[in-house]
PDB file of all heavy atoms in Angstrom:
ATOM      1  N   GLN A   1     170.259 -50.067 159.465  1.00  0.00           N
ATOM      2  CA  GLN A   1     168.922 -50.344 159.989  1.00  0.00           C
ATOM      3  C   GLN A   1     169.048 -51.260 161.209  1.00  0.00           C
ATOM      4  O   GLN A   1     168.401 -51.020 162.237  1.00  0.00           O
ATOM      5  CB  GLN A   1     168.045 -50.963 158.948  1.00  0.00           C
ATOM      6  CG  GLN A   1     166.607 -51.194 159.449  1.00  0.00           C
ATOM      7  CD  GLN A   1     165.757 -51.994 158.474  1.00  0.00           C
ATOM      8  OE1 GLN A   1     166.222 -53.003 157.888  1.00  0.00           O
ATOM      9  NE2 GLN A   1     164.512 -51.581 158.256  1.00  0.00           N
ATOM     10  N   ASP A   2     169.844 -52.287 161.103  1.00  0.00           N
ATOM     11  CA  ASP A   2     170.015 -53.248 162.209  1.00  0.00           C
ATOM     12  C   ASP A   2     170.607 -52.545 163.430  1.00  0.00           C
ATOM     13  O   ASP A   2     170.176 -52.828 164.555  1.00  0.00           O
ATOM     14  CB  ASP A   2     170.944 -54.393 161.789  1.00  0.00           C
ATOM     15  CG  ASP A   2     170.379 -55.202 160.642  1.00  0.00           C
ATOM     16  OD1 ASP A   2     169.252 -54.935 160.159  1.00  0.00           O
ATOM     17  OD2 ASP A   2     171.091 -56.156 160.146  1.00  0.00           O
ATOM     18  N   GLY A   3     171.586 -51.667 163.167  1.00  0.00           N
ATOM     19  CA  GLY A   3     172.262 -51.006 164.289  1.00  0.00           C
ATOM     20  C   GLY A   3     171.300 -50.097 165.051  1.00  0.00           C
ATOM     21  O   GLY A   3     171.306 -50.056 166.264  1.00  0.00           O
ATOM     22  N   VAL A   4     170.481 -49.356 164.295  1.00  0.00           N
ATOM     23  CA  VAL A   4     169.493 -48.474 164.977  1.00  0.00           C
ATOM     24  C   VAL A   4     168.466 -49.293 165.745  1.00  0.00           C
ATOM     25  O   VAL A   4     168.150 -48.966 166.917  1.00  0.00           O
ATOM     26  CB  VAL A   4     168.840 -47.558 163.940  1.00  0.00           C
ATOM     27  CG1 VAL A   4     167.678 -46.782 164.585  1.00  0.00           C
ATOM     28  CG2 VAL A   4     169.834 -46.569 163.331  1.00  0.00           C
ATOM     29  N   LEU A   5     167.950 -50.320 165.127  1.00  0.00           N
ATOM     30  CA  LEU A   5     166.949 -51.194 165.803  1.00  0.00           C
ATOM     31  C   LEU A   5     167.559 -51.783 167.092  1.00  0.00           C
ATOM     32  O   LEU A   5     166.896 -51.872 168.130  1.00  0.00           O
ATOM     33  CB  LEU A   5     166.494 -52.268 164.858  1.00  0.00           C
ATOM     34  CG  LEU A   5     165.457 -53.285 165.469  1.00  0.00           C
ATOM     35  CD1 LEU A   5     164.218 -52.579 166.040  1.00  0.00           C
ATOM     36  CD2 LEU A   5     165.049 -54.288 164.394  1.00  0.00           C
ATOM     37  N   ASN A   6     168.803 -52.187 167.007  1.00  0.00           N
ATOM     38  CA  ASN A   6     169.426 -52.747 168.163  1.00  0.00           C
ATOM     39  C   ASN A   6     169.457 -51.758 169.338  1.00  0.00           C
ATOM     40  O   ASN A   6     169.279 -52.163 170.506  1.00  0.00           O
ATOM     41  CB  ASN A   6     170.865 -53.190 167.821  1.00  0.00           C
ATOM     42  CG  ASN A   6     171.504 -54.022 168.920  1.00  0.00           C
ATOM     43  OD1 ASN A   6     172.182 -53.470 169.776  1.00  0.00           O
ATOM     44  ND2 ASN A   6     171.333 -55.307 168.836  1.00  0.00           N
ATOM     45  N   LEU A   7     169.678 -50.477 169.012  1.00  0.00           N
ATOM     46  CA  LEU A   7     169.700 -49.424 170.052  1.00  0.00           C
ATOM     47  C   LEU A   7     168.283 -49.094 170.550  1.00  0.00           C
ATOM     48  O   LEU A   7     168.116 -48.463 171.597  1.00  0.00           O
ATOM     49  CB  LEU A   7     170.390 -48.170 169.535  1.00  0.00           C
ATOM     50  CG  LEU A   7     171.882 -48.333 169.248  1.00  0.00           C
ATOM     51  CD1 LEU A   7     172.414 -47.083 168.587  1.00  0.00           C
ATOM     52  CD2 LEU A   7     172.680 -48.595 170.503  1.00  0.00           C
ATOM     53  N   CYS A   8     167.258 -49.508 169.785  1.00  0.00           N
ATOM     54  CA  CYS A   8     165.889 -49.246 170.138  1.00  0.00           C
ATOM     55  C   CYS A   8     165.224 -50.478 170.785  1.00  0.00           C
ATOM     56  O   CYS A   8     164.007 -50.621 170.729  1.00  0.00           O
ATOM     57  CB  CYS A   8     165.074 -48.810 168.902  1.00  0.00           C
ATOM     58  SG  CYS A   8     165.573 -47.240 168.215  1.00  0.00           S
ATOM     59  N   ARG A   9     166.026 -51.335 171.342  1.00  0.00           N
ATOM     60  CA  ARG A   9     165.456 -52.623 171.843  1.00  0.00           C
ATOM     61  C   ARG A   9     164.384 -52.427 172.910  1.00  0.00           C
ATOM     62  O   ARG A   9     163.467 -53.231 172.996  1.00  0.00           O
ATOM     63  CB  ARG A   9     166.590 -53.509 172.386  1.00  0.00           C
ATOM     64  CG  ARG A   9     167.250 -52.988 173.636  1.00  0.00           C
ATOM     65  CD  ARG A   9     168.488 -53.763 173.986  1.00  0.00           C
ATOM     66  NE  ARG A   9     169.539 -53.516 173.031  1.00  0.00           N
ATOM     67  CZ  ARG A   9     170.787 -54.054 173.122  1.00  0.00           C
ATOM     68  NH1 ARG A   9     171.046 -54.872 174.087  1.00  0.00           N
ATOM     69  NH2 ARG A   9     171.716 -53.766 172.243  1.00  0.00           N
ATOM     70  N   VAL A  10     164.527 -51.370 173.757  1.00  0.00           N
ATOM     71  CA  VAL A  10     163.479 -51.164 174.768  1.00  0.00           C
ATOM     72  C   VAL A  10     162.124 -50.819 174.144  1.00  0.00           C
ATOM     73  O   VAL A  10     161.090 -51.134 174.700  1.00  0.00           O
ATOM     74  CB  VAL A  10     163.909 -50.085 175.779  1.00  0.00           C
ATOM     75  CG1 VAL A  10     165.157 -50.500 176.536  1.00  0.00           C
ATOM     76  CG2 VAL A  10     164.058 -48.755 175.140  1.00  0.00           C
ATOM     77  N   LYS A  11     162.153 -50.227 172.952  1.00  0.00           N
ATOM     78  CA  LYS A  11     160.902 -49.950 172.252  1.00  0.00           C
ATOM     79  C   LYS A  11     160.321 -51.183 171.632  1.00  0.00           C
ATOM     80  O   LYS A  11     159.079 -51.311 171.570  1.00  0.00           O
ATOM     81  CB  LYS A  11     161.131 -48.877 171.183  1.00  0.00           C
ATOM     82  CG  LYS A  11     161.670 -47.558 171.725  1.00  0.00           C
ATOM     83  CD  LYS A  11     160.734 -46.925 172.755  1.00  0.00           C
ATOM     84  CE  LYS A  11     161.284 -45.598 173.281  1.00  0.00           C
ATOM     85  NZ  LYS A  11     160.369 -44.960 174.287  1.00  0.00           N
ATOM     86  N   LEU A  12     161.189 -52.129 171.224  1.00  0.00           N
ATOM     87  CA  LEU A  12     160.692 -53.422 170.749  1.00  0.00           C
ATOM     88  C   LEU A  12     160.105 -54.209 171.959  1.00  0.00           C
ATOM     89  O   LEU A  12     159.129 -54.911 171.833  1.00  0.00           O
ATOM     90  CB  LEU A  12     161.814 -54.213 170.116  1.00  0.00           C
ATOM     91  CG  LEU A  12     161.459 -55.585 169.573  1.00  0.00           C
ATOM     92  CD1 LEU A  12     160.358 -55.479 168.506  1.00  0.00           C
ATOM     93  CD2 LEU A  12     162.704 -56.262 168.983  1.00  0.00           C
ATOM     94  N   ARG A  13     160.739 -54.042 173.085  1.00  0.00           N
ATOM     95  CA  ARG A  13     160.179 -54.636 174.360  1.00  0.00           C
ATOM     96  C   ARG A  13     158.783 -54.105 174.576  1.00  0.00           C
ATOM     97  O   ARG A  13     157.849 -54.874 174.845  1.00  0.00           O
ATOM     98  CB  ARG A  13     161.085 -54.275 175.533  1.00  0.00           C
ATOM     99  CG  ARG A  13     160.597 -54.600 176.895  1.00  0.00           C
ATOM    100  CD  ARG A  13     161.233 -53.753 177.962  1.00  0.00           C
ATOM    101  NE  ARG A  13     160.805 -52.343 177.846  1.00  0.00           N
ATOM    102  CZ  ARG A  13     161.399 -51.332 178.535  1.00  0.00           C
ATOM    103  NH1 ARG A  13     162.423 -51.558 179.292  1.00  0.00           N
ATOM    104  NH2 ARG A  13     160.925 -50.108 178.394  1.00  0.00           N
ATOM    105  N   ASP A  14     158.592 -52.784 174.471  1.00  0.00           N
ATOM    106  CA  ASP A  14     157.298 -52.189 174.723  1.00  0.00           C
ATOM    107  C   ASP A  14     156.275 -52.545 173.675  1.00  0.00           C
ATOM    108  O   ASP A  14     155.069 -52.617 173.996  1.00  0.00           O
ATOM    109  CB  ASP A  14     157.434 -50.663 174.850  1.00  0.00           C
ATOM    110  CG  ASP A  14     158.264 -50.254 176.056  1.00  0.00           C
ATOM    111  OD1 ASP A  14     158.467 -51.135 176.950  1.00  0.00           O
ATOM    112  OD2 ASP A  14     158.651 -49.097 176.126  1.00  0.00           O
ATOM    113  N   GLN A  15     156.701 -52.798 172.459  1.00  0.00           N
ATOM    114  CA  GLN A  15     155.793 -53.248 171.404  1.00  0.00           C
ATOM    115  C   GLN A  15     155.116 -54.529 171.821  1.00  0.00           C
ATOM    116  O   GLN A  15     153.894 -54.711 171.625  1.00  0.00           O
ATOM    117  CB  GLN A  15     156.540 -53.416 170.094  1.00  0.00           C
ATOM    118  CG  GLN A  15     155.681 -53.915 168.947  1.00  0.00           C
ATOM    119  CD  GLN A  15     154.601 -52.903 168.533  1.00  0.00           C
ATOM    120  OE1 GLN A  15     154.869 -51.715 168.443  1.00  0.00           O
ATOM    121  NE2 GLN A  15     153.389 -53.385 168.337  1.00  0.00           N
ATOM    122  N   GLN A  16     155.882 -55.415 172.437  1.00  0.00           N
ATOM    123  CA  GLN A  16     155.321 -56.690 172.850  1.00  0.00           C
ATOM    124  C   GLN A  16     154.470 -56.583 174.115  1.00  0.00           C
ATOM    125  O   GLN A  16     153.462 -57.249 174.295  1.00  0.00           O
ATOM    126  CB  GLN A  16     156.461 -57.694 173.066  1.00  0.00           C
ATOM    127  CG  GLN A  16     157.215 -57.995 171.760  1.00  0.00           C
ATOM    128  CD  GLN A  16     158.485 -58.738 171.974  1.00  0.00           C
ATOM    129  OE1 GLN A  16     158.528 -59.961 172.043  1.00  0.00           O
ATOM    130  NE2 GLN A  16     159.599 -57.972 172.092  1.00  0.00           N
ATOM    131  N   ARG A  17     154.893 -55.681 175.018  1.00  0.00           N
ATOM    132  CA  ARG A  17     154.120 -55.471 176.239  1.00  0.00           C
ATOM    133  C   ARG A  17     152.758 -54.871 175.907  1.00  0.00           C
ATOM    134  O   ARG A  17     151.773 -55.098 176.632  1.00  0.00           O
ATOM    135  CB  ARG A  17     154.875 -54.523 177.188  1.00  0.00           C
ATOM    136  CG  ARG A  17     156.141 -55.082 177.765  1.00  0.00           C
ATOM    137  CD  ARG A  17     156.911 -54.024 178.575  1.00  0.00           C
ATOM    138  NE  ARG A  17     156.081 -53.435 179.612  1.00  0.00           N
ATOM    139  CZ  ARG A  17     156.012 -52.133 179.832  1.00  0.00           C
ATOM    140  NH1 ARG A  17     156.731 -51.277 179.120  1.00  0.00           N
ATOM    141  NH2 ARG A  17     155.229 -51.683 180.801  1.00  0.00           N
ATOM    142  N   LEU A  18     152.716 -54.092 174.834  1.00  0.00           N
ATOM    143  CA  LEU A  18     151.456 -53.394 174.448  1.00  0.00           C
ATOM    144  C   LEU A  18     150.330 -54.356 174.162  1.00  0.00           C
ATOM    145  O   LEU A  18     149.154 -54.028 174.404  1.00  0.00           O
ATOM    146  CB  LEU A  18     151.752 -52.552 173.212  1.00  0.00           C
ATOM    147  CG  LEU A  18     150.694 -51.506 172.808  1.00  0.00           C
ATOM    148  CD1 LEU A  18     150.456 -50.478 173.948  1.00  0.00           C
ATOM    149  CD2 LEU A  18     151.170 -50.753 171.572  1.00  0.00           C
ATOM    150  N   ALA A  19     150.659 -55.581 173.768  1.00  0.00           N
ATOM    151  CA  ALA A  19     149.635 -56.587 173.508  1.00  0.00           C
ATOM    152  C   ALA A  19     148.900 -57.013 174.775  1.00  0.00           C
ATOM    153  O   ALA A  19     147.815 -57.622 174.707  1.00  0.00           O
ATOM    154  CB  ALA A  19     150.273 -57.781 172.828  1.00  0.00           C
ATOM    155  N   HIS A  20     149.492 -56.709 175.926  1.00  0.00           N
ATOM    156  CA  HIS A  20     148.886 -57.175 177.213  1.00  0.00           C
ATOM    157  C   HIS A  20     148.322 -56.054 178.035  1.00  0.00           C
ATOM    158  O   HIS A  20     148.057 -56.219 179.243  1.00  0.00           O
ATOM    159  CB  HIS A  20     149.951 -57.932 177.998  1.00  0.00           C
ATOM    160  CG  HIS A  20     150.540 -59.098 177.273  1.00  0.00           C
ATOM    161  ND1 HIS A  20     149.865 -60.284 177.075  1.00  0.00           N
ATOM    162  CD2 HIS A  20     151.703 -59.222 176.606  1.00  0.00           C
ATOM    163  CE1 HIS A  20     150.616 -61.126 176.385  1.00  0.00           C
ATOM    164  NE2 HIS A  20     151.706 -60.501 176.071  1.00  0.00           N
ATOM    165  N   GLY A  21     148.169 -54.867 177.407  1.00  0.00           N
ATOM    166  CA  GLY A  21     147.548 -53.750 178.128  1.00  0.00           C
ATOM    167  C   GLY A  21     148.357 -52.459 177.963  1.00  0.00           C
ATOM    168  O   GLY A  21     149.428 -52.437 177.341  1.00  0.00           O
ATOM    169  N   PRO A  22     147.794 -51.352 178.479  1.00  0.00           N
ATOM    170  CA  PRO A  22     148.472 -50.072 178.310  1.00  0.00           C
ATOM    171  C   PRO A  22     149.842 -50.011 178.962  1.00  0.00           C
ATOM    172  O   PRO A  22     150.090 -50.718 179.984  1.00  0.00           O
ATOM    173  CB  PRO A  22     147.506 -49.074 178.953  1.00  0.00           C
ATOM    174  CG  PRO A  22     146.701 -49.922 179.920  1.00  0.00           C
ATOM    175  CD  PRO A  22     146.610 -51.246 179.302  1.00  0.00           C
ATOM    176  N   LEU A  23     150.696 -49.186 178.457  1.00  0.00           N
ATOM    177  CA  LEU A  23     152.031 -48.998 179.003  1.00  0.00           C
ATOM    178  C   LEU A  23     151.943 -47.919 180.078  1.00  0.00           C
ATOM    179  O   LEU A  23     151.919 -46.729 179.789  1.00  0.00           O
ATOM    180  CB  LEU A  23     153.026 -48.578 177.888  1.00  0.00           C
ATOM    181  CG  LEU A  23     153.074 -49.553 176.702  1.00  0.00           C
ATOM    182  CD1 LEU A  23     153.961 -48.967 175.597  1.00  0.00           C
ATOM    183  CD2 LEU A  23     153.588 -50.888 177.124  1.00  0.00           C
ATOM    184  N   LYS A  24     151.853 -48.318 181.304  1.00  0.00           N
ATOM    185  CA  LYS A  24     151.491 -47.407 182.390  1.00  0.00           C
ATOM    186  C   LYS A  24     152.590 -46.344 182.698  1.00  0.00           C
ATOM    187  O   LYS A  24     152.266 -45.322 183.313  1.00  0.00           O
ATOM    188  CB  LYS A  24     151.198 -48.223 183.662  1.00  0.00           C
ATOM    189  CG  LYS A  24     149.971 -49.108 183.494  1.00  0.00           C
ATOM    190  CD  LYS A  24     149.668 -49.851 184.790  1.00  0.00           C
ATOM    191  CE  LYS A  24     148.399 -50.721 184.627  1.00  0.00           C
ATOM    192  NZ  LYS A  24     148.063 -51.466 185.881  1.00  0.00           N
ATOM    193  N   GLU A  25     153.802 -46.589 182.290  1.00  0.00           N
ATOM    194  CA  GLU A  25     154.856 -45.574 182.552  1.00  0.00           C
ATOM    195  C   GLU A  25     154.882 -44.525 181.462  1.00  0.00           C
ATOM    196  O   GLU A  25     155.644 -43.553 181.557  1.00  0.00           O
ATOM    197  CB  GLU A  25     156.210 -46.247 182.717  1.00  0.00           C
ATOM    198  CG  GLU A  25     156.856 -46.720 181.419  1.00  0.00           C
ATOM    199  CD  GLU A  25     156.345 -48.068 180.912  1.00  0.00           C
ATOM    200  OE1 GLU A  25     155.340 -48.552 181.436  1.00  0.00           O
ATOM    201  OE2 GLU A  25     156.925 -48.611 179.956  1.00  0.00           O
ATOM    202  N   TYR A  26     154.101 -44.705 180.417  1.00  0.00           N
ATOM    203  CA  TYR A  26     154.057 -43.721 179.342  1.00  0.00           C
ATOM    204  C   TYR A  26     153.056 -42.627 179.679  1.00  0.00           C
ATOM    205  O   TYR A  26     152.070 -42.870 180.341  1.00  0.00           O
ATOM    206  CB  TYR A  26     153.634 -44.381 178.033  1.00  0.00           C
ATOM    207  CG  TYR A  26     154.751 -45.072 177.251  1.00  0.00           C
ATOM    208  CD1 TYR A  26     155.440 -46.122 177.781  1.00  0.00           C
ATOM    209  CD2 TYR A  26     155.092 -44.627 175.963  1.00  0.00           C
ATOM    210  CE1 TYR A  26     156.490 -46.727 177.118  1.00  0.00           C
ATOM    211  CE2 TYR A  26     156.116 -45.241 175.273  1.00  0.00           C
ATOM    212  CZ  TYR A  26     156.805 -46.303 175.804  1.00  0.00           C
ATOM    213  OH  TYR A  26     157.824 -46.897 175.121  1.00  0.00           O
ATOM    214  N   PRO A  27     153.323 -41.379 179.240  1.00  0.00           N
ATOM    215  CA  PRO A  27     152.443 -40.247 179.621  1.00  0.00           C
ATOM    216  C   PRO A  27     151.032 -40.347 179.019  1.00  0.00           C
ATOM    217  O   PRO A  27     150.138 -39.605 179.446  1.00  0.00           O
ATOM    218  CB  PRO A  27     153.192 -39.025 179.061  1.00  0.00           C
ATOM    219  CG  PRO A  27     154.144 -39.539 178.062  1.00  0.00           C
ATOM    220  CD  PRO A  27     154.523 -40.924 178.475  1.00  0.00           C
ATOM    221  N   GLN A  28     150.827 -41.246 178.059  1.00  0.00           N
ATOM    222  CA  GLN A  28     149.476 -41.456 177.545  1.00  0.00           C
ATOM    223  C   GLN A  28     148.546 -42.074 178.617  1.00  0.00           C
ATOM    224  O   GLN A  28     147.326 -41.978 178.520  1.00  0.00           O
ATOM    225  CB  GLN A  28     149.500 -42.355 176.282  1.00  0.00           C
ATOM    226  CG  GLN A  28     150.012 -41.697 175.041  1.00  0.00           C
ATOM    227  CD  GLN A  28     151.522 -41.704 174.914  1.00  0.00           C
ATOM    228  OE1 GLN A  28     152.238 -42.030 175.907  1.00  0.00           O
ATOM    229  NE2 GLN A  28     152.050 -41.431 173.746  1.00  0.00           N
ATOM    230  N   PHE A  29     149.140 -42.723 179.585  1.00  0.00           N
ATOM    231  CA  PHE A  29     148.355 -43.378 180.668  1.00  0.00           C
ATOM    232  C   PHE A  29     148.035 -42.335 181.722  1.00  0.00           C
ATOM    233  O   PHE A  29     148.898 -41.596 182.106  1.00  0.00           O
ATOM    234  CB  PHE A  29     149.172 -44.525 181.212  1.00  0.00           C
ATOM    235  CG  PHE A  29     148.462 -45.271 182.328  1.00  0.00           C
ATOM    236  CD1 PHE A  29     147.487 -46.258 182.030  1.00  0.00           C
ATOM    237  CD2 PHE A  29     148.737 -45.022 183.655  1.00  0.00           C
ATOM    238  CE1 PHE A  29     146.865 -46.921 183.046  1.00  0.00           C
ATOM    239  CE2 PHE A  29     148.115 -45.672 184.672  1.00  0.00           C
ATOM    240  CZ  PHE A  29     147.160 -46.643 184.379  1.00  0.00           C
ATOM    241  N   PRO A  30     146.792 -42.292 182.248  1.00  0.00           N
ATOM    242  CA  PRO A  30     145.673 -43.216 181.993  1.00  0.00           C
ATOM    243  C   PRO A  30     144.634 -42.646 181.035  1.00  0.00           C
ATOM    244  O   PRO A  30     143.708 -43.358 180.679  1.00  0.00           O
ATOM    245  CB  PRO A  30     145.101 -43.368 183.387  1.00  0.00           C
ATOM    246  CG  PRO A  30     145.261 -41.980 183.973  1.00  0.00           C
ATOM    247  CD  PRO A  30     146.561 -41.470 183.472  1.00  0.00           C
ATOM    248  N   ASN A  31     144.767 -41.391 180.635  1.00  0.00           N
ATOM    249  CA  ASN A  31     143.691 -40.769 179.921  1.00  0.00           C
ATOM    250  C   ASN A  31     143.861 -40.788 178.352  1.00  0.00           C
ATOM    251  O   ASN A  31     142.871 -40.590 177.648  1.00  0.00           O
ATOM    252  CB  ASN A  31     143.554 -39.286 180.334  1.00  0.00           C
ATOM    253  CG  ASN A  31     143.276 -39.156 181.840  1.00  0.00           C
ATOM    254  OD1 ASN A  31     142.426 -39.914 182.358  1.00  0.00           O
ATOM    255  ND2 ASN A  31     143.982 -38.291 182.502  1.00  0.00           N
ATOM    256  N   GLY A  32     145.052 -41.054 177.909  1.00  0.00           N
ATOM    257  CA  GLY A  32     145.251 -41.083 176.451  1.00  0.00           C
ATOM    258  C   GLY A  32     144.962 -42.436 175.857  1.00  0.00           C
ATOM    259  O   GLY A  32     144.579 -43.417 176.568  1.00  0.00           O
ATOM    260  N   GLU A  33     145.116 -42.501 174.539  1.00  0.00           N
ATOM    261  CA  GLU A  33     144.845 -43.775 173.851  1.00  0.00           C
ATOM    262  C   GLU A  33     146.134 -44.373 173.322  1.00  0.00           C
ATOM    263  O   GLU A  33     147.059 -43.667 172.903  1.00  0.00           O
ATOM    264  CB  GLU A  33     143.891 -43.518 172.682  1.00  0.00           C
ATOM    265  CG  GLU A  33     142.495 -43.088 173.073  1.00  0.00           C
ATOM    266  CD  GLU A  33     141.578 -42.950 171.870  1.00  0.00           C
ATOM    267  OE1 GLU A  33     142.035 -43.215 170.731  1.00  0.00           O
ATOM    268  OE2 GLU A  33     140.405 -42.594 172.083  1.00  0.00           O
ATOM    269  N   PHE A  34     146.192 -45.692 173.360  1.00  0.00           N
ATOM    270  CA  PHE A  34     147.334 -46.437 172.760  1.00  0.00           C
ATOM    271  C   PHE A  34     146.890 -47.079 171.492  1.00  0.00           C
ATOM    272  O   PHE A  34     145.807 -47.710 171.435  1.00  0.00           O
ATOM    273  CB  PHE A  34     147.816 -47.493 173.779  1.00  0.00           C
ATOM    274  CG  PHE A  34     148.549 -46.930 174.945  1.00  0.00           C
ATOM    275  CD1 PHE A  34     147.883 -46.556 176.101  1.00  0.00           C
ATOM    276  CD2 PHE A  34     149.925 -46.777 174.899  1.00  0.00           C
ATOM    277  CE1 PHE A  34     148.554 -46.041 177.188  1.00  0.00           C
ATOM    278  CE2 PHE A  34     150.628 -46.274 176.010  1.00  0.00           C
ATOM    279  CZ  PHE A  34     149.914 -45.915 177.137  1.00  0.00           C
ATOM    280  N   GLY A  35     147.713 -46.937 170.443  1.00  0.00           N
ATOM    281  CA  GLY A  35     147.385 -47.562 169.180  1.00  0.00           C
ATOM    282  C   GLY A  35     148.000 -48.981 169.116  1.00  0.00           C
ATOM    283  O   GLY A  35     148.197 -49.652 170.147  1.00  0.00           O
ATOM    284  N   GLN A  36     148.314 -49.426 167.911  1.00  0.00           N
ATOM    285  CA  GLN A  36     148.867 -50.746 167.751  1.00  0.00           C
ATOM    286  C   GLN A  36     150.390 -50.771 167.826  1.00  0.00           C
ATOM    287  O   GLN A  36     150.942 -51.893 167.883  1.00  0.00           O
ATOM    288  CB  GLN A  36     148.416 -51.305 166.387  1.00  0.00           C
ATOM    289  CG  GLN A  36     146.900 -51.510 166.307  1.00  0.00           C
ATOM    290  CD  GLN A  36     146.481 -52.117 164.982  1.00  0.00           C
ATOM    291  OE1 GLN A  36     147.187 -51.978 163.965  1.00  0.00           O
ATOM    292  NE2 GLN A  36     145.354 -52.822 164.964  1.00  0.00           N
ATOM    293  N   ALA A  37     151.009 -49.614 167.822  1.00  0.00           N
ATOM    294  CA  ALA A  37     152.503 -49.616 167.814  1.00  0.00           C
ATOM    295  C   ALA A  37     153.014 -48.827 169.037  1.00  0.00           C
ATOM    296  O   ALA A  37     152.273 -48.007 169.590  1.00  0.00           O
ATOM    297  CB  ALA A  37     153.028 -48.945 166.557  1.00  0.00           C
TER     298      ALA A  37
END
């Protein structure tokens, strides 16, 4: 579990960025919705 999470660090980065607004480089932007994760 630790090893996989370590390889997913950019997604943990984005989890924290999400608290400050939509992730503009994701295809959900600008018309889709972002949830809590």
